[in-house]
C-alpha atoms as a PDB file:
ATOM      1  CA  MET A   1      13.184  20.752 -11.550  1.00  0.00           C
ATOM      2  CA  GLU A   2       9.431  20.405 -12.005  1.00  0.00           C
ATOM      3  CA  GLN A   3       7.607  18.816  -9.085  1.00  0.00           C
ATOM      4  CA  PRO A   4       6.425  15.285  -9.959  1.00  0.00           C
ATOM      5  CA  LYS A   5       2.708  14.550 -10.064  1.00  0.00           C
ATOM      6  CA  ILE A   6       1.905  12.381  -7.056  1.00  0.00           C
ATOM      7  CA  ILE A   7      -1.461  10.777  -6.432  1.00  0.00           C
ATOM      8  CA  PHE A   8      -2.075   9.593  -2.858  1.00  0.00           C
ATOM      9  CA  VAL A   9      -4.253   6.489  -2.531  1.00  0.00           C
ATOM     10  CA  MET A  10      -5.937   4.779   0.429  1.00  0.00           C
ATOM     11  CA  PRO A  11      -8.238   1.770   0.655  1.00  0.00           C
ATOM     12  CA  ALA A  12     -10.918   2.028   3.346  1.00  0.00           C
ATOM     13  CA  TYR A  13     -13.117  -0.651   4.892  1.00  0.00           C
ATOM     14  CA  ASN A  14     -15.312   0.086   7.928  1.00  0.00           C
ATOM     15  CA  GLU A  15     -13.177   3.042   8.998  1.00  0.00           C
ATOM     16  CA  GLU A  16     -15.899   5.402  10.239  1.00  0.00           C
ATOM     17  CA  GLU A  17     -13.985   5.925  13.493  1.00  0.00           C
ATOM     18  CA  ASN A  18     -10.752   6.844  11.729  1.00  0.00           C
ATOM     19  CA  ILE A  19     -11.444   8.276   8.309  1.00  0.00           C
ATOM     20  CA  LYS A  20     -12.138  11.889   9.278  1.00  0.00           C
ATOM     21  CA  ASN A  21      -8.950  12.236  11.304  1.00  0.00           C
ATOM     22  CA  VAL A  22      -6.858  10.356   8.746  1.00  0.00           C
ATOM     23  CA  VAL A  23      -8.016  12.508   5.830  1.00  0.00           C
ATOM     24  CA  SER A  24      -7.607  15.686   7.885  1.00  0.00           C
ATOM     25  CA  ASP A  25      -4.102  14.691   8.957  1.00  0.00           C
ATOM     26  CA  TRP A  26      -2.923  13.727   5.482  1.00  0.00           C
ATOM     27  CA  TYR A  27      -4.553  16.550   3.552  1.00  0.00           C
ATOM     28  CA  PRO A  28      -1.816  19.169   4.187  1.00  0.00           C
ATOM     29  CA  VAL A  29       0.732  16.679   2.794  1.00  0.00           C
ATOM     30  CA  VAL A  30      -1.433  16.135  -0.284  1.00  0.00           C
ATOM     31  CA  GLU A  31      -1.748  19.907  -0.777  1.00  0.00           C
ATOM     32  CA  LYS A  32       2.009  20.342  -0.563  1.00  0.00           C
ATOM     33  CA  TYR A  33       3.172  17.396  -2.637  1.00  0.00           C
ATOM     34  CA  GLY A  34       0.268  15.862  -4.524  1.00  0.00           C
ATOM     35  CA  MET A  35      -2.484  16.090  -7.116  1.00  0.00           C
ATOM     36  CA  ASN A  36      -5.250  14.235  -5.294  1.00  0.00           C
ATOM     37  CA  LEU A  37      -6.073  11.959  -2.402  1.00  0.00           C
ATOM     38  CA  ILE A  38      -8.082   9.007  -3.704  1.00  0.00           C
ATOM     39  CA  VAL A  39      -9.896   6.980  -1.035  1.00  0.00           C
ATOM     40  CA  ALA A  40     -11.640   3.827  -2.238  1.00  0.00           C
ATOM     41  CA  ASN A  41     -14.430   2.673   0.050  1.00  0.00           C
ATOM     42  CA  ASP A  42     -14.271  -1.114  -0.307  1.00  0.00           C
ATOM     43  CA  GLY A  43     -17.917  -1.922   0.325  1.00  0.00           C
ATOM     44  CA  SER A  44     -17.907  -0.770   3.964  1.00  0.00           C
ATOM     45  CA  LYS A  45     -20.895  -1.757   6.086  1.00  0.00           C
ATOM     46  CA  ASP A  46     -20.674   1.401   8.178  1.00  0.00           C
ATOM     47  CA  SER A  47     -20.800   5.128   7.347  1.00  0.00           C
ATOM     48  CA  THR A  48     -17.272   5.414   5.921  1.00  0.00           C
ATOM     49  CA  TYR A  49     -18.396   6.501   2.471  1.00  0.00           C
ATOM     50  CA  SER A  50     -20.960   9.040   3.652  1.00  0.00           C
ATOM     51  CA  ILE A  51     -18.290  10.613   5.868  1.00  0.00           C
ATOM     52  CA  LEU A  52     -15.949  10.773   2.886  1.00  0.00           C
ATOM     53  CA  ARG A  53     -18.589  12.541   0.820  1.00  0.00           C
ATOM     54  CA  GLU A  54     -18.987  15.151   3.529  1.00  0.00           C
ATOM     55  CA  LEU A  55     -15.229  15.591   3.814  1.00  0.00           C
ATOM     56  CA  LYS A  56     -15.064  16.251   0.076  1.00  0.00           C
ATOM     57  CA  LYS A  57     -16.849  19.572   0.698  1.00  0.00           C
ATOM     58  CA  GLN A  58     -14.014  20.664   2.963  1.00  0.00           C
ATOM     59  CA  PHE A  59     -11.120  19.044   1.085  1.00  0.00           C
ATOM     60  CA  PRO A  60     -11.437  19.588  -2.698  1.00  0.00           C
ATOM     61  CA  LEU A  61      -8.415  17.425  -3.589  1.00  0.00           C
ATOM     62  CA  LEU A  62     -10.126  14.437  -1.959  1.00  0.00           C
ATOM     63  CA  ILE A  63     -11.795  12.018  -4.376  1.00  0.00           C
ATOM     64  CA  PRO A  64     -13.957   9.401  -2.619  1.00  0.00           C
ATOM     65  CA  ILE A  65     -14.779   6.306  -4.652  1.00  0.00           C
ATOM     66  CA  ASP A  66     -17.398   3.741  -3.672  1.00  0.00           C
ATOM     67  CA  LYS A  67     -16.881   0.191  -4.936  1.00  0.00           C
ATOM     68  CA  PRO A  68     -18.128  -3.315  -4.124  1.00  0.00           C
ATOM     69  CA  ASN A  69     -16.108  -5.193  -1.533  1.00  0.00           C
ATOM     70  CA  SER A  70     -13.190  -7.057  -3.095  1.00  0.00           C
ATOM     71  CA  GLY A  71     -10.591  -7.185  -0.330  1.00  0.00           C
ATOM     72  CA  HIS A  72      -7.491  -5.138   0.450  1.00  0.00           C
ATOM     73  CA  GLY A  73      -5.243  -6.421  -2.336  1.00  0.00           C
ATOM     74  CA  ALA A  74      -7.807  -6.079  -5.112  1.00  0.00           C
ATOM     75  CA  THR A  75      -8.668  -2.582  -3.894  1.00  0.00           C
ATOM     76  CA  LEU A  76      -4.997  -1.635  -4.015  1.00  0.00           C
ATOM     77  CA  SER A  77      -4.811  -2.890  -7.605  1.00  0.00           C
ATOM     78  CA  TYR A  78      -7.891  -0.817  -8.406  1.00  0.00           C
ATOM     79  CA  LEU A  79      -6.342   2.289  -6.858  1.00  0.00           C
ATOM     80  CA  TYR A  80      -2.990   1.801  -8.587  1.00  0.00           C
ATOM     81  CA  ASP A  81      -4.726   1.440 -11.947  1.00  0.00           C
ATOM     82  CA  TYR A  82      -6.796   4.544 -11.216  1.00  0.00           C
ATOM     83  CA  ALA A  83      -3.705   6.610 -10.417  1.00  0.00           C
ATOM     84  CA  ILE A  84      -1.801   5.275 -13.423  1.00  0.00           C
ATOM     85  CA  ASN A  85      -4.694   6.125 -15.736  1.00  0.00           C
ATOM     86  CA  ASN A  86      -5.042   9.621 -14.273  1.00  0.00           C
ATOM     87  CA  GLY A  87      -1.587  10.951 -14.974  1.00  0.00           C
ATOM     88  CA  ALA A  88       0.416  10.195 -11.839  1.00  0.00           C
ATOM     89  CA  ASP A  89       4.197  10.251 -12.121  1.00  0.00           C
ATOM     90  CA  TYR A  90       4.364   8.652  -8.677  1.00  0.00           C
ATOM     91  CA  ILE A  91       1.840   6.890  -6.460  1.00  0.00           C
ATOM     92  CA  PHE A  92       1.922   7.017  -2.690  1.00  0.00           C
ATOM     93  CA  GLN A  93      -0.107   4.431  -0.779  1.00  0.00           C
ATOM     94  CA  THR A  94      -0.999   4.208   2.863  1.00  0.00           C
ATOM     95  CA  ASP A  95      -3.924   2.764   4.800  1.00  0.00           C
ATOM     96  CA  SER A  96      -6.832   4.609   6.420  1.00  0.00           C
ATOM     97  CA  ASP A  97      -6.510   3.239   9.963  1.00  0.00           C
ATOM     98  CA  GLY A  98      -4.197   5.973  11.263  1.00  0.00           C
ATOM     99  CA  GLN A  99      -1.209   3.730  11.940  1.00  0.00           C
ATOM    100  CA  THR A 100       1.202   5.695   9.737  1.00  0.00           C
ATOM    101  CA  LEU A 101       2.306   9.287  10.280  1.00  0.00           C
ATOM    102  CA  PRO A 102       2.036  12.027   7.627  1.00  0.00           C
ATOM    103  CA  GLN A 103       5.195  13.668   8.969  1.00  0.00           C
ATOM    104  CA  ASP A 104       7.231  10.677   7.789  1.00  0.00           C
ATOM    105  CA  PHE A 105       6.372  11.460   4.171  1.00  0.00           C
ATOM    106  CA  GLY A 106       8.843  14.335   3.775  1.00  0.00           C
ATOM    107  CA  GLN A 107      11.916  12.161   4.273  1.00  0.00           C
ATOM    108  CA  MET A 108      10.487   9.688   1.780  1.00  0.00           C
ATOM    109  CA  TYR A 109       9.912  12.460  -0.761  1.00  0.00           C
ATOM    110  CA  ASP A 110      13.542  13.546  -0.374  1.00  0.00           C
ATOM    111  CA  LYS A 111      14.590  10.221  -1.931  1.00  0.00           C
ATOM    112  CA  ILE A 112      12.228  10.450  -4.919  1.00  0.00           C
ATOM    113  CA  ARG A 113      14.952  11.208  -7.478  1.00  0.00           C
ATOM    114  CA  ASP A 114      17.171   8.370  -6.283  1.00  0.00           C
ATOM    115  CA  TYR A 115      14.723   5.453  -6.175  1.00  0.00           C
ATOM    116  CA  ASP A 116      11.671   4.177  -8.061  1.00  0.00           C
ATOM    117  CA  PHE A 117      10.313   2.250  -5.064  1.00  0.00           C
ATOM    118  CA  ILE A 118      10.610   3.729  -1.569  1.00  0.00           C
ATOM    119  CA  ILE A 119       8.935   1.481   0.978  1.00  0.00           C
ATOM    120  CA  GLY A 120       8.525   1.950   4.704  1.00  0.00           C
ATOM    121  CA  ASN A 121      10.229  -0.416   7.113  1.00  0.00           C
ATOM    122  CA  ARG A 122       8.310  -0.870  10.378  1.00  0.00           C
ATOM    123  CA  LYS A 123      11.314  -1.492  12.629  1.00  0.00           C
ATOM    124  CA  GLN A 124       9.507  -0.563  15.845  1.00  0.00           C
ATOM    125  CA  ARG A 125       5.931  -1.688  15.345  1.00  0.00           C
ATOM    126  CA  GLN A 126       3.381  -0.804  17.991  1.00  0.00           C
ATOM    127  CA  ASP A 127       0.584  -3.049  16.742  1.00  0.00           C
ATOM    128  CA  GLY A 128       1.375  -6.174  18.726  1.00  0.00           C
ATOM    129  CA  PHE A 129       3.857  -9.039  18.935  1.00  0.00           C
ATOM    130  CA  SER A 130       1.756 -11.332  16.750  1.00  0.00           C
ATOM    131  CA  ARG A 131       2.012  -8.926  13.827  1.00  0.00           C
ATOM    132  CA  VAL A 132       5.797  -8.792  14.233  1.00  0.00           C
ATOM    133  CA  VAL A 133       5.876 -12.595  14.038  1.00  0.00           C
ATOM    134  CA  VAL A 134       3.772 -12.554  10.859  1.00  0.00           C
ATOM    135  CA  THR A 135       6.189 -10.085   9.257  1.00  0.00           C
ATOM    136  CA  LYS A 136       9.175 -12.282  10.124  1.00  0.00           C
ATOM    137  CA  VAL A 137       7.469 -15.384   8.741  1.00  0.00           C
ATOM    138  CA  LEU A 138       6.581 -13.519   5.556  1.00  0.00           C
ATOM    139  CA  LYS A 139      10.194 -12.413   5.189  1.00  0.00           C
ATOM    140  CA  ALA A 140      11.296 -16.065   5.380  1.00  0.00           C
ATOM    141  CA  VAL A 141       8.638 -17.179   2.898  1.00  0.00           C
ATOM    142  CA  LEU A 142       9.750 -14.606   0.325  1.00  0.00           C
ATOM    143  CA  ARG A 143      13.362 -15.661   0.812  1.00  0.00           C
ATOM    144  CA  ILE A 144      12.381 -19.261   0.041  1.00  0.00           C
ATOM    145  CA  ILE A 145      10.033 -18.577  -2.880  1.00  0.00           C
ATOM    146  CA  PHE A 146      11.672 -15.597  -4.580  1.00  0.00           C
ATOM    147  CA  GLY A 147      15.221 -16.005  -3.323  1.00  0.00           C
ATOM    148  CA  VAL A 148      15.295 -12.378  -2.181  1.00  0.00           C
ATOM    149  CA  LYS A 149      15.704 -10.538   1.108  1.00  0.00           C
ATOM    150  CA  VAL A 150      12.836  -8.103   1.728  1.00  0.00           C
ATOM    151  CA  PRO A 151      12.941  -6.284   5.108  1.00  0.00           C
ATOM    152  CA  ASP A 152       9.217  -5.448   5.299  1.00  0.00           C
ATOM    153  CA  ALA A 153       7.215  -6.496   2.258  1.00  0.00           C
ATOM    154  CA  ASN A 154       3.690  -5.473   3.244  1.00  0.00           C
ATOM    155  CA  THR A 155       4.204  -1.957   4.614  1.00  0.00           C
ATOM    156  CA  PRO A 156       1.261   0.350   3.780  1.00  0.00           C
ATOM    157  CA  PHE A 157       3.571   3.336   3.316  1.00  0.00           C
ATOM    158  CA  ARG A 158       5.167   3.372  -0.131  1.00  0.00           C
ATOM    159  CA  LEU A 159       6.062   5.831  -2.865  1.00  0.00           C
ATOM    160  CA  MET A 160       6.351   4.240  -6.316  1.00  0.00           C
ATOM    161  CA  GLN A 161       7.302   5.537  -9.753  1.00  0.00           C
ATOM    162  CA  THR A 162       4.367   4.876 -12.058  1.00  0.00           C
ATOM    163  CA  GLU A 163       6.131   3.433 -15.106  1.00  0.00           C
ATOM    164  CA  ARG A 164       8.193   1.028 -13.032  1.00  0.00           C
ATOM    165  CA  LEU A 165       5.148   0.041 -10.990  1.00  0.00           C
ATOM    166  CA  LYS A 166       3.283  -0.786 -14.207  1.00  0.00           C
ATOM    167  CA  GLU A 167       6.066  -3.197 -15.146  1.00  0.00           C
ATOM    168  CA  VAL A 168       5.888  -4.925 -11.762  1.00  0.00           C
ATOM    169  CA  LEU A 169       2.077  -5.102 -11.676  1.00  0.00           C
ATOM    170  CA  LYS A 170       1.928  -7.124 -14.901  1.00  0.00           C
ATOM    171  CA  TYR A 171       3.068 -10.183 -12.918  1.00  0.00           C
ATOM    172  CA  ILE A 172       0.432  -9.825 -10.202  1.00  0.00           C
ATOM    173  CA  PRO A 173      -3.216 -10.953 -10.503  1.00  0.00           C
ATOM    174  CA  LYS A 174      -5.725  -8.135  -9.964  1.00  0.00           C
ATOM    175  CA  ASP A 175      -7.519 -10.058  -7.219  1.00  0.00           C
ATOM    176  CA  PHE A 176      -4.444 -11.138  -5.269  1.00  0.00           C
ATOM    177  CA  PHE A 177      -4.915 -10.354  -1.566  1.00  0.00           C
ATOM    178  CA  LEU A 178      -1.247  -9.577  -0.863  1.00  0.00           C
ATOM    179  CA  THR A 179      -0.656  -7.093  -3.673  1.00  0.00           C
ATOM    180  CA  ASN A 180       1.888  -4.987  -1.794  1.00  0.00           C
ATOM    181  CA  VAL A 181       3.831  -8.071  -0.733  1.00  0.00           C
ATOM    182  CA  ALA A 182       4.091  -9.208  -4.335  1.00  0.00           C
ATOM    183  CA  ILE A 183       5.104  -5.727  -5.518  1.00  0.00           C
ATOM    184  CA  SER A 184       7.943  -5.617  -2.978  1.00  0.00           C
ATOM    185  CA  ALA A 185       9.183  -9.115  -3.810  1.00  0.00           C
ATOM    186  CA  VAL A 186       9.064  -8.651  -7.588  1.00  0.00           C
ATOM    187  CA  ALA A 187      10.714  -5.226  -7.400  1.00  0.00           C
ATOM    188  CA  VAL A 188      13.610  -6.628  -5.365  1.00  0.00           C
ATOM    189  CA  LYS A 189      13.909  -9.704  -7.572  1.00  0.00           C
ATOM    190  CA  LYS A 190      14.017  -7.598 -10.734  1.00  0.00           C
ATOM    191  CA  SER A 191      16.665  -5.311  -9.201  1.00  0.00           C
ATOM    192  CA  GLU A 192      14.507  -2.213  -9.400  1.00  0.00           C
ATOM    193  CA  LYS A 193      15.840   0.946  -7.794  1.00  0.00           C
ATOM    194  CA  ILE A 194      14.346   0.260  -4.392  1.00  0.00           C
ATOM    195  CA  THR A 195      15.047   1.198  -0.790  1.00  0.00           C
ATOM    196  CA  PHE A 196      13.375   0.527   2.567  1.00  0.00           C
ATOM    197  CA  MET A 197      13.102   3.498   4.913  1.00  0.00           C
ATOM    198  CA  PRO A 198      12.387   3.297   8.659  1.00  0.00           C
ATOM    199  CA  ILE A 199       8.971   4.702   9.581  1.00  0.00           C
ATOM    200  CA  THR A 200       6.791   5.049  12.667  1.00  0.00           C
ATOM    201  CA  PHE A 201       3.965   2.507  12.883  1.00  0.00           C
ATOM    202  CA  ARG A 202       1.390   3.058  15.607  1.00  0.00           C
ATOM    203  CA  THR A 203      -1.447   0.975  16.946  1.00  0.00           C
ATOM    204  CA  ARG A 204      -4.745   1.215  15.098  1.00  0.00           C
ATOM    205  CA  GLN A 205      -6.286   4.568  16.072  1.00  0.00           C
ATOM    206  CA  GLY A 206      -9.891   3.388  16.242  1.00  0.00           C
ATOM    207  CA  GLY A 207     -12.270   0.651  15.170  1.00  0.00           C
ATOM    208  CA  ILE A 208     -11.593  -3.063  14.954  1.00  0.00           C
ATOM    209  CA  ASN A 209      -9.060  -4.678  12.667  1.00  0.00           C
ATOM    210  CA  SER A 210     -10.954  -6.894  10.234  1.00  0.00           C
ATOM    211  CA  ILE A 211      -7.958  -9.221   9.872  1.00  0.00           C
ATOM    212  CA  ASN A 212      -7.089 -11.449  12.824  1.00  0.00           C
ATOM    213  CA  ILE A 213      -4.314 -14.021  13.167  1.00  0.00           C
ATOM    214  CA  LYS A 214      -6.581 -16.889  12.122  1.00  0.00           C
ATOM    215  CA  LYS A 215      -7.463 -15.041   8.925  1.00  0.00           C
ATOM    216  CA  ILE A 216      -3.824 -14.126   8.343  1.00  0.00           C
ATOM    217  CA  ILE A 217      -2.799 -17.785   8.502  1.00  0.00           C
ATOM    218  CA  LYS A 218      -5.597 -18.786   6.147  1.00  0.00           C
ATOM    219  CA  ILE A 219      -4.697 -16.014   3.706  1.00  0.00           C
ATOM    220  CA  GLY A 220      -1.013 -16.926   3.963  1.00  0.00           C
ATOM    221  CA  ILE A 221      -1.562 -20.566   3.094  1.00  0.00           C
ATOM    222  CA  LYS A 222      -3.697 -19.591   0.123  1.00  0.00           C
ATOM    223  CA  ALA A 223      -1.127 -17.014  -0.985  1.00  0.00           C
ATOM    224  CA  LEU A 224       1.785 -19.452  -1.120  1.00  0.00           C
ATOM    225  CA  LYS A 225       0.678 -20.966  -4.411  1.00  0.00           C
ATOM    226  CA  GLU A 226       0.001 -17.588  -5.992  1.00  0.00           C
ATOM    227  CA  LEU A 227       3.343 -16.179  -4.851  1.00  0.00           C
ATOM    228  CA  SER A 228       5.031 -19.225  -6.402  1.00  0.00           C
ATOM    229  CA  ASN A 229       3.160 -18.606  -9.656  1.00  0.00           C
ATOM    230  CA  ILE A 230       4.226 -14.945  -9.643  1.00  0.00           C
ATOM    231  CA  ASN A 231       7.831 -15.984  -9.122  1.00  0.00           C
ATOM    232  CA  LYS A 232       7.580 -18.407 -12.049  1.00  0.00           C
ATOM    233  CA  LYS A 233       6.321 -15.599 -14.306  1.00  0.00           C
ATOM    234  CA  VAL A 234       9.303 -13.459 -13.377  1.00  0.00           C
ATOM    235  CA  ASN A 235      11.718 -16.353 -13.897  1.00  0.00           C
ATOM    236  CA  ASN A 236      10.189 -17.279 -17.253  1.00  0.00           C
ATOM    237  CA  GLU A 237      10.668 -13.754 -18.538  1.00  0.00           C
ATOM    238  CA  THR A 238      14.225 -13.646 -17.243  1.00  0.00           C
ATOM    239  CA  ASP A 239      15.007 -16.909 -19.039  1.00  0.00           C
ATOM    240  CA  LEU A 240      13.803 -15.635 -22.426  1.00  0.00           C
END
């Protein structure tokens, strides 16, 4: 069976301490399984993009893209659209902070013929108790709003079939901050072929996380209304 065309995508914001190691670590996986590694520099204030341009000389499958800052969710939407429009059969997304492990990708790839959405489940997170609490709260919120059980909605380690992803993305605003959360919730609600696979999730490997608990709470409150609107769109279509 012909190998599917997979485009790997990463958003990057102020990752000058991590980006070289992350690209170097993931590149062998991209060479083995993928077409390209697309890294979108989301208006970083440091040297992230200039480092990416230098890395391009060493890693020809790397495509660095520089764009104005729009936030994590909007950058994910941008990357998903880019991959869809450039011939991907599947899109794999992870972040550029070094918290996920390239060696976990192989077991995810082994499930590619069985599922359209394969999403990591951070069962043993190493990034702090507060983040575990946020994940549990988010799980409860999605249960209330969407009426679905999602083990880990926001994991930045996911392999998605392009055509099915396109169908899910039509419910989600391009500028929504929690794009991956909405994708997970809608996919479960619409009974897509989806599974959640345990993965390793380390502490951030360098730099400072731009999102703290105060920001998470603020984002969460703002997201409640939008998540409700997304759920209404799905319900309205189901009722037709």
